[in-house]
Protein backbone atom coordinates (compact mmCIF):
# COMPACT_ATOMS: atom_id res chain seq x y z
CA GLU A 1 10.85 333.55 99.82
CA GLY A 2 7.21 332.59 100.43
CA ARG A 3 7.57 328.90 99.66
CA SER A 4 4.65 326.58 100.30
CA HIS A 5 4.98 323.53 102.54
CA ALA A 6 4.89 321.31 99.45
CA GLU A 7 7.76 323.27 97.88
CA ARG A 8 9.84 322.94 101.04
CA LEU A 9 9.28 319.18 101.04
CA GLU A 10 10.18 319.08 97.35
CA ASP A 11 13.44 320.95 98.02
CA GLU A 12 14.35 318.62 100.88
CA ALA A 13 13.62 315.54 98.79
CA GLN A 14 15.69 316.85 95.87
CA LEU A 15 18.71 317.65 98.03
CA THR A 16 18.47 314.28 99.75
CA ALA A 17 18.28 312.46 96.41
CA TRP A 18 21.38 314.22 95.10
CA ALA A 19 23.17 313.52 98.36
CA ALA A 20 22.35 309.82 98.05
CA VAL A 21 24.13 309.78 94.68
CA ALA A 22 27.13 311.57 96.24
CA ALA A 23 27.19 309.12 99.15
CA ARG A 24 27.24 306.12 96.82
CA ARG A 25 30.16 307.62 94.91
CA LEU A 26 31.90 308.50 98.16
CA ALA A 27 31.83 304.86 99.21
CA LEU A 28 33.78 303.96 96.05
CA LEU A 29 36.48 306.62 96.39
CA PRO A 30 39.97 305.16 96.86
CA SER A 31 41.03 308.41 98.56
CA ARG A 32 39.00 310.83 100.65
CA GLY A 33 41.38 313.76 100.48
CA PRO A 34 39.97 317.27 100.00
CA PHE A 35 40.63 317.37 96.25
CA ALA A 36 38.96 314.00 95.70
CA LEU A 37 35.92 315.14 97.69
CA SER A 38 35.79 318.46 95.86
CA ARG A 39 35.90 316.77 92.47
CA LEU A 40 33.22 314.31 93.49
CA LEU A 41 30.85 317.14 94.34
CA ARG A 42 31.87 319.17 91.31
CA GLY A 43 31.28 316.19 89.04
CA LEU A 44 27.75 315.79 90.37
CA LEU A 45 26.61 319.35 91.05
CA ALA A 46 28.41 321.36 88.37
CA ASP A 47 29.23 318.95 85.56
CA GLU A 48 26.14 316.71 85.63
CA LEU A 49 23.43 318.86 87.19
CA GLY A 50 24.70 322.12 85.76
CA PHE A 51 24.77 324.31 88.87
CA ARG A 52 26.61 327.55 88.19
CA GLY A 53 26.30 331.27 88.59
CA ASP A 54 23.78 333.47 86.82
CA ALA A 55 26.14 336.13 85.51
CA ASP A 56 23.53 337.53 83.09
CA ASP A 57 20.98 338.51 85.75
CA TYR A 58 23.10 338.37 88.89
CA SER A 59 21.05 340.53 91.23
CA ALA A 60 17.58 339.17 90.40
CA THR A 61 15.52 338.07 93.40
CA ARG A 62 15.17 334.57 91.97
CA ASN A 63 18.92 334.10 92.36
CA CYS A 64 18.56 334.63 96.12
CA CYS A 65 15.72 332.13 96.64
CA LEU A 66 16.65 328.49 97.19
CA HIS A 67 13.57 326.95 95.58
CA GLN A 68 14.17 328.85 92.36
CA VAL A 69 17.92 328.20 92.42
CA LEU A 70 17.24 324.46 92.72
CA ALA A 71 14.75 324.60 89.86
CA ARG A 72 16.87 326.75 87.53
CA ARG A 73 20.26 325.47 88.73
CA LYS A 74 21.50 329.04 88.63
CA GLY A 75 21.94 331.61 91.35
CA MET A 76 24.16 333.84 93.43
CA PRO A 77 27.40 332.46 94.92
CA ILE A 78 25.96 332.08 98.41
CA LEU A 79 22.87 330.13 97.33
CA LEU A 80 24.98 327.84 95.14
CA GLY A 81 27.30 327.42 98.12
CA CYS A 82 24.31 326.42 100.26
CA VAL A 83 23.47 323.70 97.73
CA TRP A 84 27.03 322.36 98.02
CA MET A 85 26.83 322.52 101.83
CA GLU A 86 23.47 320.79 102.07
CA VAL A 87 24.31 318.02 99.61
CA GLY A 88 27.69 317.54 101.29
CA ARG A 89 26.17 317.40 104.78
CA ARG A 90 23.66 314.79 103.78
CA ALA A 91 26.33 312.73 101.99
CA GLY A 92 28.81 312.84 104.88
CA ILE A 93 31.23 315.30 103.25
CA ASP A 94 32.46 318.35 105.17
CA VAL A 95 31.55 321.50 103.26
CA ASP A 96 31.86 324.86 105.02
CA GLY A 97 30.63 328.23 103.85
CA ILE A 98 33.35 330.86 103.47
CA GLY A 99 31.90 334.36 103.58
CA MET A 100 34.72 336.19 101.83
CA PRO A 101 33.80 339.85 101.25
CA GLY A 102 32.32 340.32 97.80
CA HIS A 103 32.12 336.65 96.88
CA PHE A 104 30.96 333.58 98.81
CA LEU A 105 33.04 330.39 98.54
CA VAL A 106 32.88 326.93 100.05
CA ARG A 107 35.62 324.81 101.59
CA VAL A 108 35.49 321.07 101.02
CA GLY A 109 37.25 318.61 103.31
CA GLY A 110 37.42 320.36 106.67
CA PRO A 111 39.78 323.04 108.05
CA ALA A 112 42.65 321.95 105.78
CA GLY A 113 40.34 321.50 102.81
CA VAL A 114 40.23 323.06 99.36
CA HIS A 115 38.40 326.28 98.55
CA VAL A 116 35.86 326.11 95.75
CA ASP A 117 33.95 328.72 93.77
CA ALA A 118 30.51 327.19 93.21
CA PHE A 119 29.53 330.21 91.09
CA ASP A 120 32.33 329.34 88.66
CA GLY A 121 31.26 325.72 88.18
CA GLY A 122 33.19 324.33 91.14
CA GLN A 123 36.56 325.88 90.28
CA GLU A 124 39.16 325.02 92.94
CA LEU A 125 41.17 327.91 94.37
CA SER A 126 44.42 328.06 96.29
CA ARG A 127 44.69 330.54 99.15
CA GLU A 128 46.47 332.90 96.77
CA GLY A 129 43.74 332.31 94.21
CA CYS A 130 41.14 333.35 96.80
CA ARG A 131 43.11 336.51 97.49
CA SER A 132 43.40 337.32 93.77
CA LEU A 133 39.64 336.82 93.33
CA HIS A 134 38.96 339.11 96.28
CA ASP A 135 41.28 341.80 94.92
CA ARG A 136 39.62 341.68 91.48
CA ILE A 137 36.18 342.13 93.01
CA ALA A 138 36.95 344.52 95.85
CA GLY A 139 39.66 346.58 94.16
CA THR A 140 43.15 347.48 95.26
CA LYS A 141 42.00 349.73 98.12
CA ALA A 142 40.48 346.81 100.06
CA ARG A 143 43.17 345.19 102.20
CA TRP A 144 43.24 341.39 102.28
CA SER A 145 43.00 339.44 105.54
CA ASP A 146 43.37 335.69 106.04
CA ASP A 147 40.35 336.00 108.35
CA PHE A 148 38.25 336.30 105.18
CA LEU A 149 38.68 332.54 104.73
CA ARG A 150 37.24 331.58 108.10
CA ALA A 151 34.16 329.36 108.02
CA SER A 152 30.91 331.27 108.44
CA ALA A 153 28.39 330.37 111.13
CA VAL A 154 24.84 329.50 110.08
CA ASP A 155 23.41 332.80 111.33
CA GLN A 156 26.05 334.72 109.36
CA ILE A 157 25.10 332.87 106.19
CA VAL A 158 21.39 333.49 106.77
CA GLU A 159 22.04 337.18 107.39
CA ARG A 160 24.08 337.49 104.21
CA VAL A 161 21.33 335.83 102.15
CA LEU A 162 18.77 338.19 103.69
CA ASN A 163 21.00 341.21 103.01
CA ASN A 164 21.16 340.16 99.37
CA LEU A 165 17.39 339.82 99.29
CA ALA A 166 17.00 343.22 100.92
CA ALA A 167 19.09 344.77 98.14
CA THR A 168 17.29 342.97 95.31
CA THR A 169 13.77 343.68 96.59
CA ARG A 170 14.73 347.33 97.03
CA ASP A 171 16.14 347.52 93.49
CA GLU A 172 13.00 345.87 92.11
CA HIS A 173 10.75 348.25 94.11
CA ASP A 174 9.14 345.26 95.83
CA VAL A 175 7.90 346.97 99.00
CA ALA A 176 6.10 343.89 100.33
CA GLY A 177 9.21 341.79 99.74
CA SER A 178 11.36 344.36 101.54
CA TYR A 179 8.98 344.22 104.50
CA ARG A 180 9.24 340.42 104.72
CA VAL A 181 13.02 340.53 104.55
CA ALA A 182 13.23 343.28 107.19
CA THR A 183 11.01 341.19 109.46
CA PHE A 184 13.34 338.20 109.15
CA LEU A 185 16.45 340.33 109.75
CA ALA A 186 14.93 341.88 112.86
CA ALA A 187 14.08 338.42 114.20
CA LEU A 188 17.62 337.22 113.44
CA ARG A 189 19.26 340.23 115.14
CA PRO A 190 16.82 341.32 117.88
CA ALA A 191 19.53 343.30 119.70
CA SER A 192 20.20 345.49 116.66
CA PRO A 193 18.55 348.92 116.72
CA GLU A 194 19.22 349.26 112.99
CA ARG A 195 17.33 346.04 112.17
CA THR A 196 14.44 346.94 114.46
CA LEU A 197 14.16 350.39 112.93
CA GLN A 198 14.28 349.05 109.39
CA LYS A 199 11.43 346.65 110.14
CA ALA A 200 9.33 349.54 111.47
CA MET A 201 10.07 351.71 108.46
CA THR A 202 9.18 349.00 105.96
CA ALA A 203 5.99 348.29 107.93
CA ALA A 204 5.10 351.96 107.50
CA ALA A 205 5.87 351.75 103.78
CA VAL A 206 3.37 348.92 103.26
CA GLY A 207 0.73 350.58 105.42
CA VAL A 208 0.93 348.34 108.49
CA THR A 209 0.66 351.41 110.67
CA GLU A 210 0.11 349.80 114.06
CA GLU A 211 3.12 347.54 113.67
CA ALA A 212 5.21 350.46 112.44
CA ALA A 213 4.25 352.55 115.49
CA SER A 214 4.99 349.64 117.81
CA GLY A 215 8.38 349.14 116.15
CA PHE A 216 9.33 352.81 116.43
CA ALA A 217 8.34 352.80 120.10
CA ASP A 218 10.38 349.64 120.65
CA VAL A 219 13.49 351.31 119.24
CA ILE A 220 13.02 354.36 121.46
CA GLU A 221 12.46 352.23 124.57
CA ARG A 222 15.24 349.68 124.09
CA PHE A 223 17.89 351.84 122.40
CA PRO A 224 17.24 355.35 123.77
CA ASP A 225 20.79 356.65 123.20
CA SER A 226 21.17 355.33 119.66
CA PRO A 227 20.95 357.39 116.44
CA GLU A 228 18.11 355.05 115.46
CA ALA A 229 16.04 356.31 118.42
CA GLU A 230 16.01 359.82 116.96
CA ARG A 231 14.88 358.50 113.58
CA ALA A 232 12.24 356.35 115.29
CA SER A 233 10.89 359.40 117.09
CA ALA A 234 10.65 361.23 113.77
CA GLY A 235 8.90 358.19 112.33
CA LEU A 236 6.29 358.24 115.09
CA ASP A 237 5.69 361.94 114.50
CA ALA A 238 5.26 361.33 110.76
CA LEU A 239 2.77 358.51 111.39
CA GLY A 240 0.79 360.73 113.75
CA ALA A 241 0.65 363.49 111.14
CA GLY A 242 -0.26 361.08 108.36
CA LEU A 243 2.97 361.78 106.49
CA THR A 244 5.29 359.44 104.59
CA VAL A 245 8.01 357.97 106.80
CA HIS A 246 11.57 358.46 105.52
């Protein structure tokens, strides 16, 4: 999101300060069951600090960028979930990210913990409540799986944030932003021909011709039998002819 070093330090300091408050309250809890831990974090993050979803401008880029989410205390479900995870981690509370299709949740209190919707002000959800939420968002044609409530790995969370940013920068016609996001996705998934091709195509769109040509050639060399290789070859031809790459 193009944050400066000072902004990154500011974000770290803010999260650490909030976590210190949570840790002090944790030390006074008579019970450390999942619901008690969830309500501790909800009391701090949602009730006192006001973190909740931005339903009015859901897909705006600012809702995908941590520095702006921390400043505005509004954002997409996954960024709000990251705030819960980072404050929890620093305070000594287990908070896992749950990458349910269509809506990101967190789970407080370990594998047997309680699911929480940070977008909805820390609302606690039963397993059936998670399924109902999924069905409302995804529709009746999307079949539920209990695997949707598995904890997400860090790289999966990062990829989902970047996918959201890719969509918002595209919708806002932010070509330079799309190029930055494509670069990060390609670095995260270097074995993906799709990610490598997308980086080359966005490089071409912003006029970084040499990098675009190198990226197209990389796709052709490393993934010669993939559908992306054919598109990369067409991209090279378009660059050579001075045409727009599609």
